[in-house]
Protein backbone atom coordinates (compact mmCIF):
# COMPACT_ATOMS: atom_id res chain seq x y z
CA MET A 1 -42.93 6.29 57.22
CA ALA A 2 -43.47 5.73 60.78
CA LEU A 3 -44.10 9.57 62.02
CA LEU A 4 -46.23 9.86 59.14
CA LEU A 5 -48.68 7.00 60.19
CA ARG A 6 -48.59 8.28 63.71
CA THR A 7 -49.76 11.66 62.41
CA HIS A 8 -52.61 9.76 60.68
CA LEU A 9 -53.75 7.96 63.88
CA LYS A 10 -53.35 11.28 65.79
CA LEU A 11 -55.57 13.19 62.98
CA ALA A 12 -58.26 10.31 63.11
CA ARG A 13 -58.20 10.12 66.49
CA SER A 14 -58.84 13.48 66.93
CA SER A 15 -61.50 13.83 64.49
CA ILE A 16 -63.38 10.85 66.01
CA LYS A 17 -63.04 12.49 69.18
CA GLU A 18 -64.51 16.07 68.15
CA ASN A 19 -67.92 13.68 66.83
CA ARG A 20 -68.30 11.37 69.71
CA THR A 21 -72.14 10.78 69.24
CA ARG A 22 -71.92 10.64 65.33
CA SER A 23 -69.03 8.15 65.40
CA PHE A 24 -70.48 6.07 68.18
CA LEU A 25 -73.62 5.90 65.97
CA THR A 26 -71.44 4.65 62.81
CA CYS A 27 -69.39 2.08 65.09
CA LEU A 28 -72.66 0.98 66.30
CA GLY A 29 -73.77 0.29 62.94
CA ILE A 30 -70.89 -2.25 62.01
CA ALA A 31 -71.26 -3.76 65.38
CA ILE A 32 -74.90 -4.88 64.39
CA GLY A 33 -73.39 -6.72 61.57
CA ILE A 34 -70.26 -8.18 63.36
CA ALA A 35 -72.48 -9.29 66.52
CA SER A 36 -75.05 -11.13 64.29
CA ILE A 37 -72.16 -12.83 62.38
CA ILE A 38 -70.63 -13.71 65.77
CA LEU A 39 -73.58 -15.15 67.32
CA ILE A 40 -74.30 -17.33 64.03
CA LEU A 41 -70.87 -18.74 64.22
CA SER A 42 -70.83 -18.96 67.80
CA LEU A 43 -74.08 -20.94 67.98
CA THR A 44 -72.98 -23.55 64.71
CA GLY A 45 -69.27 -23.95 66.05
CA SER A 46 -71.48 -25.30 69.29
CA VAL A 47 -73.65 -27.64 67.52
CA SER A 48 -70.19 -28.74 65.21
CA LYS A 49 -68.32 -29.38 68.47
CA LEU A 50 -71.08 -31.05 70.63
CA ILE A 51 -71.40 -33.60 67.87
CA SER A 52 -67.73 -34.16 67.62
CA ASN A 53 -67.00 -34.44 70.98
CA GLU A 54 -70.44 -37.24 71.29
CA ILE A 55 -68.42 -39.15 68.17
CA SER A 56 -65.57 -39.04 69.85
CA ASP A 57 -66.86 -40.43 72.86
CA ILE A 58 -68.07 -43.01 71.60
CA GLY A 59 -65.20 -44.25 70.09
CA ALA A 60 -63.50 -45.07 66.71
CA ASP A 61 -65.74 -48.12 66.14
CA LEU A 62 -69.01 -47.16 65.14
CA VAL A 63 -70.21 -47.07 61.35
CA VAL A 64 -73.61 -45.88 60.77
CA VAL A 65 -75.74 -46.58 57.85
CA ARG A 66 -78.89 -44.13 56.59
CA PRO A 67 -80.79 -44.01 53.74
CA SER A 68 -79.97 -41.56 51.31
CA THR A 69 -81.81 -40.23 47.97
CA ASN A 70 -78.46 -39.69 46.06
CA LYS A 71 -79.31 -35.87 45.84
CA ASP A 72 -77.78 -32.88 46.75
CA ALA A 73 -77.95 -31.68 50.33
CA VAL A 74 -79.84 -28.74 49.62
CA THR A 75 -82.45 -30.74 47.45
CA SER A 76 -82.71 -33.68 50.37
CA VAL A 77 -83.34 -31.22 53.16
CA ILE A 78 -86.21 -29.48 50.86
CA GLU A 79 -87.73 -32.61 50.14
CA GLU A 80 -88.00 -33.37 53.89
CA LEU A 81 -89.08 -30.66 54.87
CA THR A 82 -91.90 -30.35 52.29
CA SER A 83 -92.87 -34.16 52.17
CA SER A 84 -95.43 -35.34 54.49
CA SER A 85 -94.02 -39.01 53.97
CA SER A 86 -90.34 -38.54 54.64
CA PHE A 87 -90.33 -41.71 57.30
CA GLN A 88 -91.66 -44.04 54.13
CA LYS A 89 -88.62 -42.71 52.20
CA SER A 90 -86.27 -45.18 53.77
CA ASN A 91 -84.97 -48.61 52.18
CA LEU A 92 -83.31 -50.15 54.94
CA LEU A 93 -85.41 -52.98 56.77
CA ILE A 94 -85.18 -55.16 59.54
CA LYS A 95 -83.66 -58.04 57.55
CA ASP A 96 -80.63 -55.49 56.46
CA VAL A 97 -80.11 -55.30 60.28
CA GLU A 98 -79.70 -59.16 60.13
CA GLU A 99 -77.16 -59.22 57.41
CA ILE A 100 -75.45 -56.71 58.61
CA SER A 101 -74.62 -58.52 61.91
CA LYS A 102 -73.18 -61.56 60.04
CA ILE A 103 -70.10 -59.58 58.97
CA THR A 104 -67.00 -60.35 60.28
CA ASP A 105 -65.94 -58.28 63.00
CA VAL A 106 -69.19 -56.72 63.85
CA ALA A 107 -69.64 -56.65 67.45
CA ALA A 108 -73.17 -55.30 67.86
CA VAL A 109 -76.02 -54.06 65.37
CA ALA A 110 -78.77 -51.45 66.73
CA PRO A 111 -81.45 -50.25 64.08
CA ILE A 112 -82.90 -46.82 64.92
CA ALA A 113 -86.74 -46.70 63.95
CA ILE A 114 -88.77 -43.55 64.95
CA SER A 115 -92.49 -42.90 64.93
CA SER A 116 -94.58 -40.66 66.93
CA ASN A 117 -97.49 -41.68 68.82
CA THR A 118 -99.68 -41.60 72.18
CA LEU A 119 -98.80 -42.90 75.66
CA ALA A 120 -100.97 -43.48 78.28
CA ASN A 121 -101.12 -45.02 81.90
CA ASP A 122 -104.01 -44.90 84.67
CA ASP A 123 -103.50 -41.37 85.47
CA ASN A 124 -101.60 -39.29 82.74
CA LYS A 125 -101.38 -39.17 78.72
CA VAL A 126 -98.64 -38.16 76.45
CA ASP A 127 -99.27 -36.94 72.78
CA SER A 128 -96.74 -37.36 70.02
CA ALA A 129 -94.46 -39.19 72.42
CA THR A 130 -91.41 -40.40 70.45
CA ILE A 131 -91.06 -44.61 69.80
CA LEU A 132 -87.94 -45.63 69.12
CA GLY A 133 -87.70 -49.00 67.82
CA THR A 134 -84.24 -50.69 68.11
CA THR A 135 -82.55 -53.97 69.49
CA VAL A 136 -80.86 -54.79 73.11
CA ASP A 137 -77.50 -54.32 71.20
CA PHE A 138 -78.59 -50.26 71.71
CA TYR A 139 -77.34 -50.05 75.05
CA ASN A 140 -74.08 -51.64 73.65
CA ILE A 141 -73.41 -49.06 71.56
CA GLU A 142 -74.74 -45.26 72.30
CA PRO A 143 -73.40 -43.37 75.25
CA LEU A 144 -76.42 -43.90 77.58
CA THR A 145 -76.61 -44.48 81.61
CA ILE A 146 -79.41 -46.26 82.88
CA LYS A 147 -80.28 -44.45 85.82
CA ASN A 148 -83.13 -46.72 87.92
CA GLY A 149 -83.47 -50.53 86.61
CA GLY A 150 -81.96 -51.75 83.53
CA PHE A 151 -81.80 -52.13 79.44
CA LEU A 152 -84.16 -54.75 77.47
CA ASN A 153 -82.82 -57.92 77.32
CA GLU A 154 -83.69 -61.15 75.38
CA LYS A 155 -85.99 -62.14 77.68
CA ASN A 156 -88.09 -59.13 78.53
CA ALA A 157 -87.93 -57.57 75.14
CA GLU A 158 -91.13 -58.45 73.85
CA THR A 159 -93.61 -57.02 77.01
CA SER A 160 -90.91 -54.40 78.57
CA VAL A 161 -90.10 -50.59 77.62
CA VAL A 162 -87.43 -48.15 78.47
CA ILE A 163 -88.28 -44.61 79.18
CA GLY A 164 -86.32 -40.61 79.21
CA HIS A 165 -86.14 -38.72 81.81
CA MET A 166 -88.77 -36.08 81.02
CA LEU A 167 -91.13 -38.65 79.40
CA SER A 168 -90.86 -40.52 83.39
CA LEU A 169 -91.68 -37.64 84.93
CA LEU A 170 -94.67 -36.35 82.51
CA LEU A 171 -96.22 -39.89 82.73
CA TYR A 172 -96.01 -41.05 86.14
CA ASN A 173 -94.72 -37.65 87.76
CA THR A 174 -91.43 -39.54 89.65
CA SER A 175 -88.11 -40.36 88.11
CA ASN A 176 -88.18 -44.05 88.92
CA PRO A 177 -91.38 -45.55 87.83
CA VAL A 178 -89.62 -48.85 87.39
CA GLY A 179 -92.30 -52.19 87.55
CA ARG A 180 -95.23 -49.57 86.41
CA THR A 181 -97.08 -50.05 83.18
CA LEU A 182 -98.25 -47.77 80.34
CA GLU A 183 -100.81 -48.76 77.35
CA PHE A 184 -99.05 -47.91 73.91
CA MET A 185 -101.54 -49.18 71.04
CA GLY A 186 -103.75 -51.09 72.93
CA GLN A 187 -101.21 -52.73 74.46
CA ARG A 188 -99.56 -52.94 77.90
CA PHE A 189 -95.97 -52.52 78.52
CA ILE A 190 -93.69 -52.95 81.59
CA VAL A 191 -91.08 -49.90 82.47
CA VAL A 192 -88.33 -51.99 83.29
CA GLY A 193 -85.50 -48.87 82.90
CA ILE A 194 -85.38 -45.08 83.01
CA LEU A 195 -82.47 -43.47 81.36
CA ASP A 196 -80.48 -40.57 83.04
CA GLU A 197 -80.94 -37.12 82.21
CA VAL A 198 -79.37 -36.51 78.88
CA ASN A 199 -78.15 -32.67 79.20
CA GLU A 200 -77.07 -32.26 75.07
CA THR A 201 -80.59 -32.97 73.45
CA ILE A 202 -78.53 -32.61 69.88
CA ASN A 203 -77.09 -36.08 68.43
CA PHE A 204 -76.20 -37.79 65.68
CA ASP A 205 -78.89 -40.16 66.18
CA ASN A 206 -81.51 -37.20 66.04
CA VAL A 207 -83.39 -38.53 69.09
CA ASP A 208 -84.12 -36.43 72.35
CA PHE A 209 -83.37 -39.72 74.63
CA ASN A 210 -84.93 -37.27 77.67
CA ASN A 211 -88.54 -37.71 76.00
CA ALA A 212 -88.66 -41.10 73.82
CA LEU A 213 -90.00 -44.41 74.99
CA ILE A 214 -87.08 -47.18 73.92
CA MET A 215 -88.55 -50.78 72.78
CA ASP A 216 -87.83 -53.82 70.86
CA ILE A 217 -88.16 -53.08 67.15
CA ASN A 218 -89.96 -56.12 66.24
CA VAL A 219 -92.56 -55.40 68.25
CA LEU A 220 -93.24 -51.95 67.10
CA ASN A 221 -93.15 -53.65 63.87
CA LYS A 222 -95.80 -55.59 64.69
CA LEU A 223 -97.98 -52.57 66.44
CA THR A 224 -97.77 -50.48 63.70
CA GLY A 225 -97.32 -52.66 60.58
CA SER A 226 -95.36 -50.52 58.62
CA THR A 227 -91.69 -49.31 60.46
CA GLN A 228 -89.48 -47.68 58.67
CA ILE A 229 -85.53 -47.64 59.51
CA GLN A 230 -83.91 -44.55 59.82
CA GLN A 231 -80.80 -45.83 60.90
CA ILE A 232 -78.37 -48.55 61.63
CA ASN A 233 -75.82 -48.29 64.01
CA VAL A 234 -72.71 -50.91 63.72
CA LYS A 235 -70.04 -51.17 66.53
CA VAL A 236 -66.96 -53.27 65.19
CA ALA A 237 -65.01 -55.33 67.09
CA ASN A 238 -61.58 -54.18 65.61
CA THR A 239 -60.98 -50.57 64.87
CA ASP A 240 -58.16 -51.48 62.16
CA ALA A 241 -60.62 -53.26 60.08
CA LEU A 242 -63.22 -50.27 60.21
CA GLU A 243 -63.00 -49.50 56.80
CA GLU A 244 -63.18 -52.73 55.37
CA VAL A 245 -66.07 -53.79 57.47
CA SER A 246 -67.79 -50.39 56.05
CA THR A 247 -66.87 -51.75 52.74
CA LYS A 248 -68.31 -54.97 53.23
CA ILE A 249 -71.79 -53.42 54.55
CA LYS A 250 -72.01 -51.43 51.63
CA ASP A 251 -71.42 -54.38 49.48
CA GLU A 252 -73.54 -56.69 51.08
CA LEU A 253 -76.86 -54.52 50.93
CA THR A 254 -76.16 -53.23 47.52
CA LYS A 255 -76.23 -57.08 46.93
CA SER A 256 -79.52 -57.55 49.01
CA LYS A 257 -81.02 -54.86 47.29
CA SER A 258 -80.67 -55.78 43.93
CA GLY A 259 -78.23 -53.31 43.02
CA ASP A 260 -79.86 -50.38 44.98
CA THR A 261 -77.59 -47.74 46.67
CA ASN A 262 -80.21 -45.17 47.83
CA PHE A 263 -78.22 -45.70 51.48
CA THR A 264 -74.92 -44.08 53.14
CA VAL A 265 -72.57 -45.96 54.74
CA ALA A 266 -70.54 -43.41 57.13
CA TYR A 267 -67.72 -43.83 59.69
CA GLY A 268 -65.05 -41.31 61.48
CA ASP A 269 -65.37 -37.82 60.87
CA GLU A 270 -68.13 -38.44 58.46
CA ILE A 271 -70.95 -39.69 61.17
CA THR A 272 -72.63 -36.13 61.37
CA HIS A 273 -76.03 -35.01 62.49
CA PRO A 274 -78.64 -36.03 59.99
CA ALA A 275 -79.98 -32.50 60.25
CA SER A 276 -76.71 -31.03 59.54
CA ALA A 277 -77.41 -29.95 55.93
CA LEU A 278 -80.56 -28.08 57.34
CA LEU A 279 -77.94 -26.40 60.03
CA ASN A 280 -75.60 -25.23 57.30
CA ILE A 281 -78.44 -23.75 55.25
CA ILE A 282 -79.88 -21.84 58.19
CA SER A 283 -76.69 -21.02 59.07
CA GLY A 284 -75.64 -19.99 55.53
CA MET A 285 -79.18 -17.83 55.16
CA LEU A 286 -78.55 -16.21 58.66
CA ALA A 287 -75.36 -15.37 57.38
CA LEU A 288 -76.58 -13.28 54.23
CA VAL A 289 -78.92 -11.68 56.39
CA ALA A 290 -75.97 -10.54 58.91
CA GLY A 291 -73.83 -9.93 55.53
CA ILE A 292 -76.80 -7.46 54.39
CA SER A 293 -76.91 -5.56 57.84
CA LEU A 294 -72.88 -5.34 58.04
CA VAL A 295 -73.48 -3.65 54.31
CA VAL A 296 -75.82 -1.12 55.89
CA GLY A 297 -73.22 -0.69 58.16
CA GLY A 298 -70.19 0.15 55.69
CA ILE A 299 -72.56 2.47 54.11
CA GLY A 300 -73.12 4.47 57.40
CA VAL A 301 -69.30 4.69 57.51
CA MET A 302 -69.17 5.94 54.14
CA ASN A 303 -71.87 8.67 54.68
CA ILE A 304 -69.70 9.63 57.73
CA MET A 305 -67.12 9.89 55.89
CA LEU A 306 -68.27 12.08 53.35
CA VAL A 307 -69.77 14.42 55.85
CA SER A 308 -66.47 14.72 57.29
CA VAL A 309 -64.73 15.69 54.20
CA ALA A 310 -67.16 17.88 53.15
CA GLU A 311 -66.61 19.67 56.54
CA ARG A 312 -63.08 19.57 56.18
CA THR A 313 -62.60 20.43 52.87
CA HIS A 314 -60.74 23.98 54.01
CA GLU A 315 -58.23 21.70 56.22
CA ILE A 316 -57.65 19.94 52.89
CA GLY A 317 -56.78 22.98 50.93
CA ILE A 318 -54.83 24.18 53.68
CA ARG A 319 -52.28 20.65 53.94
CA LYS A 320 -52.39 20.55 50.24
CA ALA A 321 -51.16 24.06 50.47
CA VAL A 322 -48.15 23.17 52.97
CA GLY A 323 -47.32 20.37 50.82
CA ALA A 324 -49.31 17.48 51.74
CA SER A 325 -49.30 14.65 48.74
CA ALA A 326 -53.46 13.41 47.23
CA TYR A 327 -51.60 10.22 48.94
CA ASN A 328 -50.99 12.05 52.44
CA ILE A 329 -54.69 13.23 52.13
CA LEU A 330 -55.59 9.52 50.99
CA MET A 331 -54.28 7.77 53.63
CA GLN A 332 -55.67 10.08 56.15
CA PHE A 333 -59.47 9.73 55.42
CA MET A 334 -58.87 5.96 54.81
CA PHE A 335 -57.02 5.54 58.60
CA GLU A 336 -60.27 7.28 59.63
CA ALA A 337 -62.46 5.00 58.06
CA LEU A 338 -60.35 1.74 59.19
CA ILE A 339 -60.42 3.13 63.27
CA LEU A 340 -64.43 3.69 62.72
CA SER A 341 -64.89 0.22 60.89
CA ILE A 342 -62.43 -1.37 63.38
CA LEU A 343 -63.57 0.26 66.94
CA GLY A 344 -67.25 -1.39 65.19
CA GLY A 345 -65.72 -4.64 65.09
CA LEU A 346 -64.42 -5.16 68.65
CA MET A 347 -67.89 -3.55 70.06
CA GLY A 348 -69.45 -6.03 67.55
CA ILE A 349 -67.45 -9.13 69.05
CA VAL A 350 -68.36 -8.28 72.46
CA LEU A 351 -71.93 -7.77 71.90
CA GLY A 352 -71.63 -10.67 69.66
CA TYR A 353 -70.93 -13.05 72.70
CA ILE A 354 -73.09 -11.40 75.20
CA LEU A 355 -75.76 -12.15 72.80
CA ALA A 356 -74.50 -15.64 72.45
CA PHE A 357 -73.98 -16.11 76.55
CA PHE A 358 -77.47 -15.37 76.84
CA VAL A 359 -78.87 -17.68 74.21
CA SER A 360 -77.29 -20.25 76.41
CA VAL A 361 -78.69 -19.64 79.09
CA ILE A 362 -82.18 -20.48 76.89
CA THR A 363 -80.78 -22.96 74.92
CA PRO A 364 -78.29 -26.43 75.49
CA PHE A 365 -75.67 -24.45 72.90
CA THR A 366 -72.95 -23.30 74.92
CA PRO A 367 -71.12 -20.43 73.37
CA TYR A 368 -68.34 -21.54 70.98
CA ILE A 369 -65.07 -19.23 71.00
CA SER A 370 -62.03 -19.72 68.66
CA TRP A 371 -59.18 -17.70 67.30
CA GLN A 372 -60.77 -18.73 63.82
CA ILE A 373 -63.65 -16.43 64.53
CA LEU A 374 -62.08 -13.61 65.93
CA ILE A 375 -59.33 -13.38 63.32
CA VAL A 376 -62.14 -13.91 60.38
CA THR A 377 -64.19 -10.98 62.31
CA LEU A 378 -61.41 -8.75 62.21
CA ILE A 379 -60.24 -9.19 58.34
CA THR A 380 -63.69 -8.65 57.48
CA THR A 381 -63.76 -5.30 59.15
CA VAL A 382 -60.88 -4.30 57.95
CA ILE A 383 -62.27 -5.17 54.55
CA VAL A 384 -65.39 -2.90 55.11
CA GLY A 385 -63.52 0.05 56.34
CA ILE A 386 -61.45 -0.28 52.59
CA ILE A 387 -64.34 -1.07 50.62
CA PHE A 388 -66.66 1.96 52.10
CA GLY A 389 -63.53 4.31 52.83
CA ILE A 390 -62.16 4.46 49.46
CA TYR A 391 -64.26 6.23 47.83
CA PRO A 392 -64.67 9.63 50.46
CA ALA A 393 -60.84 9.16 50.55
CA LEU A 394 -60.65 9.53 46.74
CA LYS A 395 -62.79 12.50 46.89
CA ALA A 396 -61.11 14.19 49.28
CA ALA A 397 -57.58 13.53 47.80
CA SER A 398 -58.81 14.75 44.51
CA LYS A 399 -59.95 18.04 46.10
CA ASN A 400 -58.57 21.16 44.34
CA PRO A 401 -56.59 22.97 46.77
CA ILE A 402 -57.05 26.66 45.82
CA GLU A 403 -60.83 25.81 45.68
CA SER A 404 -60.86 23.70 49.39
CA LEU A 405 -59.38 27.14 50.61
CA LYS A 406 -62.12 29.48 49.59
CA HIS A 407 -64.46 26.86 51.40
CA TYR A 408 -65.46 27.35 54.62
CA ARG A 409 -67.69 25.40 57.20
């Protein structure tokens, strides 16, 4: 059996070497499909790992409350993308923050109300800047670092703001404008703190802190008149009471909203990026496109194998005449199809990670490499080789030896 396998491998290798260019182009078709899958899985895994690491850094003492439509993820994402008033769907209110803060074992509560508006000072103006309304507890919950100055406190919250690193450069052309003022909705505020640069712009809060202005949520509510809270972060004093506090928050909010349960309370591994559903949908669609290109590559394998069968009809007749069975012929051509597919898969893995590293240069996503991805990819290439190699192999195995001997190339 081992001798027979070695013979099949030797014959397949010999056939591939005789047609190097044709074999390379066939492998390239498989490689493109595999490279696309590797790139998608690598970037998706990178985002998931980034968020998981962030949650791990925060610790196991966080509960997150978000608005919910009680619909499936796909429907919710589509509604958010197609609705012009997605921020107005939240049923979370400032009074909910006050109710949650009264619950036993709750150490800190920080709402997140996001809006977009124009910021200006005497020299520069930034249109559509991210405005984040929250409380002084926000800094005690989030893994943020103040580079210059300090954070909001009870004394200065009404007249002060904290801004991100990039926003500081855009408004003041410096990373240390502490003490200077800016104008927001006709009111002047003093910059009391500058956040240190955040390398990972993707986070579970869905906020780019480098380009954000942080202010007191009550002040933001007075200025805009209709603040909508997109998220409430709750820090629990005792991690052992995490599940109990989560249940109490859900019960308290349900009670205060007269039975309305259009919100979710998550903790631990349940805390994910608000756009994770959208990420999964996009990844699925891209994987489908990559799958189609892989099918095209598989058809290329089938096509080249059919050509090979036609060219080697005389050889098949000779092998059958000297005693080779239909099974031997079948395995010979199946091995050749598998080798082409696996070689294409290996080329695709290398190409996929080269593309992933290239993408990492222009995006904040580092390539994610895992043995699970490699195993899935290799299994996929074997399956493609079997599926698209079986028909040519069966066609070769079913040839009549007498008719085959009459055939000349």
